Every structure is written in C-alpha cells, then in structure tokens.
PDB file of N, CA and C in Angstrom:
ATOM      1  N   MET A   1      57.458  74.228  93.947  1.00  0.00           N
ATOM      2  CA  MET A   1      57.354  74.434  92.510  1.00  0.00           C
ATOM      3  C   MET A   1      55.883  74.645  92.161  1.00  0.00           C
ATOM      4  N   LYS A   2      55.626  75.607  91.334  1.00  0.00           N
ATOM      5  CA  LYS A   2      54.266  75.871  90.880  1.00  0.00           C
ATOM      6  C   LYS A   2      53.858  74.823  89.856  1.00  0.00           C
ATOM      7  N   ALA A   3      52.547  74.588  89.779  1.00  0.00           N
ATOM      8  CA  ALA A   3      52.020  73.607  88.836  1.00  0.00           C
ATOM      9  C   ALA A   3      52.402  73.968  87.402  1.00  0.00           C
ATOM     10  N   SER A   4      52.399  75.259  87.094  1.00  0.00           N
ATOM     11  CA  SER A   4      52.726  75.675  85.722  1.00  0.00           C
ATOM     12  C   SER A   4      54.186  75.346  85.384  1.00  0.00           C
ATOM     13  N   GLU A   5      55.079  75.472  86.376  1.00  0.00           N
ATOM     14  CA  GLU A   5      56.486  75.118  86.156  1.00  0.00           C
ATOM     15  C   GLU A   5      56.637  73.609  85.960  1.00  0.00           C
ATOM     16  N   PHE A   6      55.901  72.854  86.785  1.00  0.00           N
ATOM     17  CA  PHE A   6      55.929  71.400  86.663  1.00  0.00           C
ATOM     18  C   PHE A   6      55.426  70.976  85.287  1.00  0.00           C
ATOM     19  N   ASP A   7      54.291  71.548  84.871  1.00  0.00           N
ATOM     20  CA  ASP A   7      53.717  71.231  83.558  1.00  0.00           C
ATOM     21  C   ASP A   7      54.695  71.550  82.431  1.00  0.00           C
ATOM     22  N   LYS A   8      55.367  72.684  82.553  1.00  0.00           N
ATOM     23  CA  LYS A   8      56.323  73.099  81.518  1.00  0.00           C
ATOM     24  C   LYS A   8      57.468  72.089  81.418  1.00  0.00           C
ATOM     25  N   LYS A   9      57.975  71.636  82.584  1.00  0.00           N
ATOM     26  CA  LYS A   9      59.041  70.629  82.604  1.00  0.00           C
ATOM     27  C   LYS A   9      58.564  69.331  81.952  1.00  0.00           C
ATOM     28  N   PHE A  10      57.374  68.910  82.363  1.00  0.00           N
ATOM     29  CA  PHE A  10      56.819  67.663  81.841  1.00  0.00           C
ATOM     30  C   PHE A  10      56.607  67.751  80.336  1.00  0.00           C
ATOM     31  N   ASP A  11      55.957  68.813  79.907  1.00  0.00           N
ATOM     32  CA  ASP A  11      55.682  69.004  78.478  1.00  0.00           C
ATOM     33  C   ASP A  11      56.965  69.119  77.663  1.00  0.00           C
ATOM     34  N   GLY A  12      58.033  69.611  78.287  1.00  0.00           N
ATOM     35  CA  GLY A  12      59.320  69.737  77.605  1.00  0.00           C
ATOM     36  C   GLY A  12      60.119  68.453  77.572  1.00  0.00           C
ATOM     37  N   GLY A  13      59.559  67.390  78.166  1.00  0.00           N
ATOM     38  CA  GLY A  13      60.230  66.098  78.144  1.00  0.00           C
ATOM     39  C   GLY A  13      61.324  65.947  79.180  1.00  0.00           C
ATOM     40  N   GLU A  14      61.366  66.867  80.137  1.00  0.00           N
ATOM     41  CA  GLU A  14      62.377  66.789  81.186  1.00  0.00           C
ATOM     42  C   GLU A  14      62.015  65.696  82.195  1.00  0.00           C
ATOM     43  N   ASP A  15      63.024  65.212  82.909  1.00  0.00           N
ATOM     44  CA  ASP A  15      62.814  64.208  83.953  1.00  0.00           C
ATOM     45  C   ASP A  15      62.186  64.879  85.170  1.00  0.00           C
ATOM     46  N   ILE A  16      60.992  64.458  85.524  1.00  0.00           N
ATOM     47  CA  ILE A  16      60.274  65.062  86.647  1.00  0.00           C
ATOM     48  C   ILE A  16      60.221  64.152  87.868  1.00  0.00           C
ATOM     49  N   THR A  17      60.842  62.993  87.798  1.00  0.00           N
ATOM     50  CA  THR A  17      60.728  62.027  88.903  1.00  0.00           C
ATOM     51  C   THR A  17      61.251  62.580  90.217  1.00  0.00           C
ATOM     52  N   SER A  18      62.272  63.427  90.183  1.00  0.00           N
ATOM     53  CA  SER A  18      62.801  64.001  91.431  1.00  0.00           C
ATOM     54  C   SER A  18      61.817  65.000  92.041  1.00  0.00           C
ATOM     55  N   ASP A  19      60.847  65.457  91.265  1.00  0.00           N
ATOM     56  CA  ASP A  19      59.854  66.414  91.752  1.00  0.00           C
ATOM     57  C   ASP A  19      58.608  65.730  92.314  1.00  0.00           C
ATOM     58  N   LEU A  20      58.564  64.418  92.243  1.00  0.00           N
ATOM     59  CA  LEU A  20      57.396  63.671  92.698  1.00  0.00           C
ATOM     60  C   LEU A  20      57.677  62.970  94.013  1.00  0.00           C
ATOM     61  N   ASP A  21      56.657  62.858  94.858  1.00  0.00           N
ATOM     62  CA  ASP A  21      56.757  62.076  96.083  1.00  0.00           C
ATOM     63  C   ASP A  21      56.082  60.739  95.804  1.00  0.00           C
ATOM     64  N   ILE A  22      56.818  59.835  95.196  1.00  0.00           N
ATOM     65  CA  ILE A  22      56.274  58.563  94.742  1.00  0.00           C
ATOM     66  C   ILE A  22      55.814  57.688  95.909  1.00  0.00           C
ATOM     67  N   ALA A  23      56.411  57.858  97.089  1.00  0.00           N
ATOM     68  CA  ALA A  23      56.039  57.057  98.256  1.00  0.00           C
ATOM     69  C   ALA A  23      54.576  57.272  98.639  1.00  0.00           C
ATOM     70  N   LYS A  24      54.037  58.448  98.342  1.00  0.00           N
ATOM     71  CA  LYS A  24      52.651  58.742  98.692  1.00  0.00           C
ATOM     72  C   LYS A  24      51.686  58.466  97.535  1.00  0.00           C
ATOM     73  N   GLY A  25      52.222  58.057  96.412  1.00  0.00           N
ATOM     74  CA  GLY A  25      51.374  57.800  95.251  1.00  0.00           C
ATOM     75  C   GLY A  25      50.542  56.547  95.431  1.00  0.00           C
ATOM     76  N   ARG A  26      49.369  56.547  94.831  1.00  0.00           N
ATOM     77  CA  ARG A  26      48.520  55.357  94.848  1.00  0.00           C
ATOM     78  C   ARG A  26      47.635  55.358  93.616  1.00  0.00           C
ATOM     79  N   ARG A  27      47.244  54.172  93.230  1.00  0.00           N
ATOM     80  CA  ARG A  27      46.337  54.045  92.093  1.00  0.00           C
ATOM     81  C   ARG A  27      44.914  53.982  92.618  1.00  0.00           C
ATOM     82  N   LEU A  28      44.032  54.692  91.979  1.00  0.00           N
ATOM     83  CA  LEU A  28      42.653  54.760  92.431  1.00  0.00           C
ATOM     84  C   LEU A  28      41.853  53.545  91.971  1.00  0.00           C
ATOM     85  N   ASN A  29      40.824  53.252  92.693  1.00  0.00           N
ATOM     86  CA  ASN A  29      39.861  52.191  92.368  1.00  0.00           C
ATOM     87  C   ASN A  29      40.475  50.805  92.296  1.00  0.00           C
ATOM     88  N   LEU A  30      41.538  50.560  93.053  1.00  0.00           N
ATOM     89  CA  LEU A  30      42.136  49.237  93.063  1.00  0.00           C
ATOM     90  C   LEU A  30      41.861  48.483  94.364  1.00  0.00           C
ATOM     91  N   GLU A  31      41.110  49.118  95.284  1.00  0.00           N
ATOM     92  CA  GLU A  31      40.799  48.408  96.510  1.00  0.00           C
ATOM     93  C   GLU A  31      39.870  47.240  96.188  1.00  0.00           C
ATOM     94  N   SER A  32      40.051  46.170  96.919  1.00  0.00           N
ATOM     95  CA  SER A  32      39.257  44.967  96.658  1.00  0.00           C
ATOM     96  C   SER A  32      37.917  45.036  97.373  1.00  0.00           C
ATOM     97  N   LYS A  33      36.919  44.490  96.741  1.00  0.00           N
ATOM     98  CA  LYS A  33      35.604  44.312  97.348  1.00  0.00           C
ATOM     99  C   LYS A  33      35.213  42.859  97.133  1.00  0.00           C
ATOM    100  N   ARG A  34      34.764  42.239  98.188  1.00  0.00           N
ATOM    101  CA  ARG A  34      34.380  40.832  98.101  1.00  0.00           C
ATOM    102  C   ARG A  34      32.951  40.722  97.588  1.00  0.00           C
ATOM    103  N   ILE A  35      32.768  39.814  96.649  1.00  0.00           N
ATOM    104  CA  ILE A  35      31.426  39.495  96.154  1.00  0.00           C
ATOM    105  C   ILE A  35      31.286  37.983  96.114  1.00  0.00           C
ATOM    106  N   ASN A  36      30.078  37.530  96.079  1.00  0.00           N
ATOM    107  CA  ASN A  36      29.813  36.103  95.923  1.00  0.00           C
ATOM    108  C   ASN A  36      29.074  35.890  94.613  1.00  0.00           C
ATOM    109  N   VAL A  37      29.519  34.929  93.861  1.00  0.00           N
ATOM    110  CA  VAL A  37      28.888  34.608  92.577  1.00  0.00           C
ATOM    111  C   VAL A  37      28.652  33.113  92.545  1.00  0.00           C
ATOM    112  N   ASP A  38      27.457  32.720  92.187  1.00  0.00           N
ATOM    113  CA  ASP A  38      27.145  31.303  92.059  1.00  0.00           C
ATOM    114  C   ASP A  38      27.306  30.885  90.607  1.00  0.00           C
ATOM    115  N   PHE A  39      28.102  29.831  90.381  1.00  0.00           N
ATOM    116  CA  PHE A  39      28.306  29.271  89.057  1.00  0.00           C
ATOM    117  C   PHE A  39      27.792  27.841  89.042  1.00  0.00           C
ATOM    118  N   PRO A  40      27.312  27.382  87.911  1.00  0.00           N
ATOM    119  CA  PRO A  40      26.947  25.967  87.809  1.00  0.00           C
ATOM    120  C   PRO A  40      28.205  25.097  87.922  1.00  0.00           C
ATOM    121  N   ALA A  41      28.022  23.873  88.389  1.00  0.00           N
ATOM    122  CA  ALA A  41      29.154  22.964  88.625  1.00  0.00           C
ATOM    123  C   ALA A  41      30.002  22.780  87.372  1.00  0.00           C
ATOM    124  N   TRP A  42      29.366  22.650  86.199  1.00  0.00           N
ATOM    125  CA  TRP A  42      30.135  22.414  84.970  1.00  0.00           C
ATOM    126  C   TRP A  42      31.075  23.587  84.688  1.00  0.00           C
ATOM    127  N   MET A  43      30.629  24.819  85.028  1.00  0.00           N
ATOM    128  CA  MET A  43      31.448  25.995  84.774  1.00  0.00           C
ATOM    129  C   MET A  43      32.652  26.023  85.720  1.00  0.00           C
ATOM    130  N   ILE A  44      32.439  25.668  86.969  1.00  0.00           N
ATOM    131  CA  ILE A  44      33.536  25.618  87.932  1.00  0.00           C
ATOM    132  C   ILE A  44      34.558  24.563  87.516  1.00  0.00           C
ATOM    133  N   GLU A  45      34.078  23.419  87.055  1.00  0.00           N
ATOM    134  CA  GLU A  45      34.992  22.367  86.591  1.00  0.00           C
ATOM    135  C   GLU A  45      35.819  22.862  85.405  1.00  0.00           C
ATOM    136  N   SER A  46      35.182  23.563  84.487  1.00  0.00           N
ATOM    137  CA  SER A  46      35.905  24.100  83.332  1.00  0.00           C
ATOM    138  C   SER A  46      36.907  25.172  83.754  1.00  0.00           C
ATOM    139  N   LEU A  47      36.504  26.037  84.675  1.00  0.00           N
ATOM    140  CA  LEU A  47      37.416  27.061  85.192  1.00  0.00           C
ATOM    141  C   LEU A  47      38.621  26.417  85.864  1.00  0.00           C
ATOM    142  N   ASP A  48      38.367  25.395  86.667  1.00  0.00           N
ATOM    143  CA  ASP A  48      39.457  24.721  87.375  1.00  0.00           C
ATOM    144  C   ASP A  48      40.417  24.037  86.404  1.00  0.00           C
ATOM    145  N   ARG A  49      39.889  23.420  85.365  1.00  0.00           N
ATOM    146  CA  ARG A  49      40.749  22.775  84.365  1.00  0.00           C
ATOM    147  C   ARG A  49      41.653  23.807  83.689  1.00  0.00           C
ATOM    148  N   GLU A  50      41.057  24.915  83.285  1.00  0.00           N
ATOM    149  CA  GLU A  50      41.831  25.953  82.605  1.00  0.00           C
ATOM    150  C   GLU A  50      42.842  26.586  83.562  1.00  0.00           C
ATOM    151  N   ALA A  51      42.444  26.801  84.808  1.00  0.00           N
ATOM    152  CA  ALA A  51      43.359  27.379  85.800  1.00  0.00           C
ATOM    153  C   ALA A  51      44.547  26.444  86.028  1.00  0.00           C
ATOM    154  N   ARG A  52      44.286  25.141  86.146  1.00  0.00           N
ATOM    155  CA  ARG A  52      45.385  24.177  86.318  1.00  0.00           C
ATOM    156  C   ARG A  52      46.306  24.195  85.106  1.00  0.00           C
ATOM    157  N   ARG A  53      45.720  24.241  83.923  1.00  0.00           N
ATOM    158  CA  ARG A  53      46.513  24.248  82.698  1.00  0.00           C
ATOM    159  C   ARG A  53      47.442  25.455  82.656  1.00  0.00           C
ATOM    160  N   LEU A  54      46.951  26.603  83.119  1.00  0.00           N
ATOM    161  CA  LEU A  54      47.739  27.825  83.100  1.00  0.00           C
ATOM    162  C   LEU A  54      48.606  27.998  84.353  1.00  0.00           C
ATOM    163  N   GLY A  55      48.363  27.176  85.360  1.00  0.00           N
ATOM    164  CA  GLY A  55      49.134  27.258  86.595  1.00  0.00           C
ATOM    165  C   GLY A  55      48.760  28.445  87.461  1.00  0.00           C
ATOM    166  N   VAL A  56      47.475  28.787  87.448  1.00  0.00           N
ATOM    167  CA  VAL A  56      46.992  29.905  88.266  1.00  0.00           C
ATOM    168  C   VAL A  56      45.794  29.434  89.087  1.00  0.00           C
ATOM    169  N   THR A  57      45.323  30.288  89.975  1.00  0.00           N
ATOM    170  CA  THR A  57      44.153  29.937  90.777  1.00  0.00           C
ATOM    171  C   THR A  57      42.866  30.219  90.003  1.00  0.00           C
ATOM    172  N   ARG A  58      41.792  29.626  90.477  1.00  0.00           N
ATOM    173  CA  ARG A  58      40.479  29.871  89.872  1.00  0.00           C
ATOM    174  C   ARG A  58      40.151  31.361  89.946  1.00  0.00           C
ATOM    175  N   GLN A  59      40.391  31.968  91.099  1.00  0.00           N
ATOM    176  CA  GLN A  59      40.097  33.387  91.274  1.00  0.00           C
ATOM    177  C   GLN A  59      40.882  34.239  90.283  1.00  0.00           C
ATOM    178  N   SER A  60      42.140  33.891  90.058  1.00  0.00           N
ATOM    179  CA  SER A  60      42.972  34.659  89.125  1.00  0.00           C
ATOM    180  C   SER A  60      42.424  34.599  87.713  1.00  0.00           C
ATOM    181  N   ILE A  61      42.046  33.411  87.282  1.00  0.00           N
ATOM    182  CA  ILE A  61      41.562  33.288  85.902  1.00  0.00           C
ATOM    183  C   ILE A  61      40.237  34.024  85.725  1.00  0.00           C
ATOM    184  N   ILE A  62      39.389  33.991  86.747  1.00  0.00           N
ATOM    185  CA  ILE A  62      38.121  34.723  86.667  1.00  0.00           C
ATOM    186  C   ILE A  62      38.395  36.218  86.559  1.00  0.00           C
ATOM    187  N   LYS A  63      39.302  36.738  87.385  1.00  0.00           N
ATOM    188  CA  LYS A  63      39.616  38.169  87.351  1.00  0.00           C
ATOM    189  C   LYS A  63      40.209  38.581  86.010  1.00  0.00           C
ATOM    190  N   VAL A  64      41.126  37.784  85.498  1.00  0.00           N
ATOM    191  CA  VAL A  64      41.769  38.111  84.219  1.00  0.00           C
ATOM    192  C   VAL A  64      40.747  38.115  83.096  1.00  0.00           C
ATOM    193  N   TRP A  65      39.906  37.091  83.044  1.00  0.00           N
ATOM    194  CA  TRP A  65      38.918  37.019  81.969  1.00  0.00           C
ATOM    195  C   TRP A  65      37.900  38.151  82.042  1.00  0.00           C
ATOM    196  N   ILE A  66      37.470  38.494  83.242  1.00  0.00           N
ATOM    197  CA  ILE A  66      36.515  39.597  83.373  1.00  0.00           C
ATOM    198  C   ILE A  66      37.188  40.913  82.981  1.00  0.00           C
ATOM    199  N   ALA A  67      38.429  41.119  83.417  1.00  0.00           N
ATOM    200  CA  ALA A  67      39.157  42.343  83.056  1.00  0.00           C
ATOM    201  C   ALA A  67      39.327  42.452  81.542  1.00  0.00           C
ATOM    202  N   GLU A  68      39.671  41.332  80.889  1.00  0.00           N
ATOM    203  CA  GLU A  68      39.827  41.342  79.431  1.00  0.00           C
ATOM    204  C   GLU A  68      38.520  41.722  78.749  1.00  0.00           C
ATOM    205  N   MET A  69      37.429  41.159  79.209  1.00  0.00           N
ATOM    206  CA  MET A  69      36.129  41.449  78.598  1.00  0.00           C
ATOM    207  C   MET A  69      35.748  42.917  78.809  1.00  0.00           C
ATOM    208  N   LEU A  70      35.972  43.428  80.004  1.00  0.00           N
ATOM    209  CA  LEU A  70      35.639  44.823  80.267  1.00  0.00           C
ATOM    210  C   LEU A  70      36.493  45.763  79.428  1.00  0.00           C
ATOM    211  N   GLU A  71      37.772  45.439  79.245  1.00  0.00           N
ATOM    212  CA  GLU A  71      38.648  46.262  78.412  1.00  0.00           C
ATOM    213  C   GLU A  71      38.183  46.240  76.958  1.00  0.00           C
ATOM    214  N   ARG A  72      37.778  45.065  76.478  1.00  0.00           N
ATOM    215  CA  ARG A  72      37.266  44.970  75.102  1.00  0.00           C
ATOM    216  C   ARG A  72      36.008  45.802  74.933  1.00  0.00           C
ATOM    217  N   ARG A  73      35.114  45.714  75.926  1.00  0.00           N
ATOM    218  CA  ARG A  73      33.863  46.467  75.850  1.00  0.00           C
ATOM    219  C   ARG A  73      34.138  47.967  75.871  1.00  0.00           C
ATOM    220  N   ALA A  74      35.065  48.400  76.723  1.00  0.00           N
ATOM    221  CA  ALA A  74      35.397  49.819  76.809  1.00  0.00           C
ATOM    222  C   ALA A  74      36.002  50.299  75.495  1.00  0.00           C
ATOM    223  N   SER A  75      36.855  49.482  74.898  1.00  0.00           N
ATOM    224  CA  SER A  75      37.474  49.842  73.629  1.00  0.00           C
ATOM    225  C   SER A  75      36.420  49.939  72.530  1.00  0.00           C
ATOM    226  N   SER A  76      35.508  48.990  72.512  1.00  0.00           N
ATOM    227  CA  SER A  76      34.441  48.994  71.518  1.00  0.00           C
ATOM    228  C   SER A  76      33.546  50.211  71.703  1.00  0.00           C
ATOM    229  N   TYR A  77      33.249  50.551  72.947  1.00  0.00           N
ATOM    230  CA  TYR A  77      32.423  51.703  73.255  1.00  0.00           C
ATOM    231  C   TYR A  77      33.103  52.989  72.787  1.00  0.00           C
ATOM    232  N   ALA A  78      34.411  53.096  73.047  1.00  0.00           N
ATOM    233  CA  ALA A  78      35.163  54.286  72.633  1.00  0.00           C
ATOM    234  C   ALA A  78      35.157  54.417  71.113  1.00  0.00           C
ATOM    235  N   LYS A  79      35.313  53.297  70.408  1.00  0.00           N
ATOM    236  CA  LYS A  79      35.284  53.338  68.937  1.00  0.00           C
ATOM    237  C   LYS A  79      33.912  53.788  68.440  1.00  0.00           C
ATOM    238  N   ASP A  80      32.840  53.318  69.096  1.00  0.00           N
ATOM    239  CA  ASP A  80      31.492  53.724  68.704  1.00  0.00           C
ATOM    240  C   ASP A  80      31.309  55.232  68.878  1.00  0.00           C
ATOM    241  N   ILE A  81      31.853  55.761  69.982  1.00  0.00           N
ATOM    242  CA  ILE A  81      31.743  57.194  70.221  1.00  0.00           C
ATOM    243  C   ILE A  81      32.474  57.968  69.136  1.00  0.00           C
ATOM    244  N   LEU A  82      33.686  57.523  68.788  1.00  0.00           N
ATOM    245  CA  LEU A  82      34.460  58.215  67.750  1.00  0.00           C
ATOM    246  C   LEU A  82      33.766  58.175  66.394  1.00  0.00           C
ATOM    247  N   ARG A  83      33.078  57.065  66.122  1.00  0.00           N
ATOM    248  CA  ARG A  83      32.362  56.935  64.856  1.00  0.00           C
ATOM    249  C   ARG A  83      31.051  57.693  64.872  1.00  0.00           C
ATOM    250  N   GLY A  84      30.639  58.133  66.058  1.00  0.00           N
ATOM    251  CA  GLY A  84      29.348  58.831  66.175  1.00  0.00           C
ATOM    252  C   GLY A  84      28.181  57.891  66.198  1.00  0.00           C
ATOM    253  N   SER A  85      28.430  56.634  66.536  1.00  0.00           N
ATOM    254  CA  SER A  85      27.359  55.637  66.552  1.00  0.00           C
ATOM    255  C   SER A  85      26.500  55.736  67.801  1.00  0.00           C
ATOM    256  N   LEU A  86      26.951  56.463  68.805  1.00  0.00           N
ATOM    257  CA  LEU A  86      26.179  56.556  70.057  1.00  0.00           C
ATOM    258  C   LEU A  86      25.601  57.935  70.238  1.00  0.00           C
TER     259      LEU A  86
END
C-alpha cells in the first residue's frame, strides 16, 4: 500500500490496524539510562515515607514526580510560545 493510500484511509477515519505491523512497533526514547543522584538524608526519609504511603518504591515515586514536573514545564513552555512570550 502506498503512503498516500494509507493516509487517505487514516484521514477518512477507516480502521488501519490491519495495515500495521504492530509487532515491530516501538516507542522512541524509552530506553533506560542509569544515573546516580545524591540526596540529603532528610529527603530520602521523606521520599520513603511517601512511597510507603502510596505503596510504591522510592524509584517509582521519583520517576513519577520528575515526569509530572517535566510535563508541567513543557505545557507551560508551549503556552508561552502560543502567547508569543518567548
């Protein structure tokens, strides 16, 4: 199938899943990279308390909080661009 035919199907709201090889699909930039970060003891204790309260690991809560902050920053940046503030 040509790309233009695929685009036409997609744009027309047709089901294109049978035209995709989902087994070979992958999301980009999701590979893990190990880093080391030093936190003060009080911060680790606070992270551990919150992680226990939520029933998750320390690493999970750190990842979630950083992801939330980055998403907020990206959203704020996009709004600034739309407003012409940048």
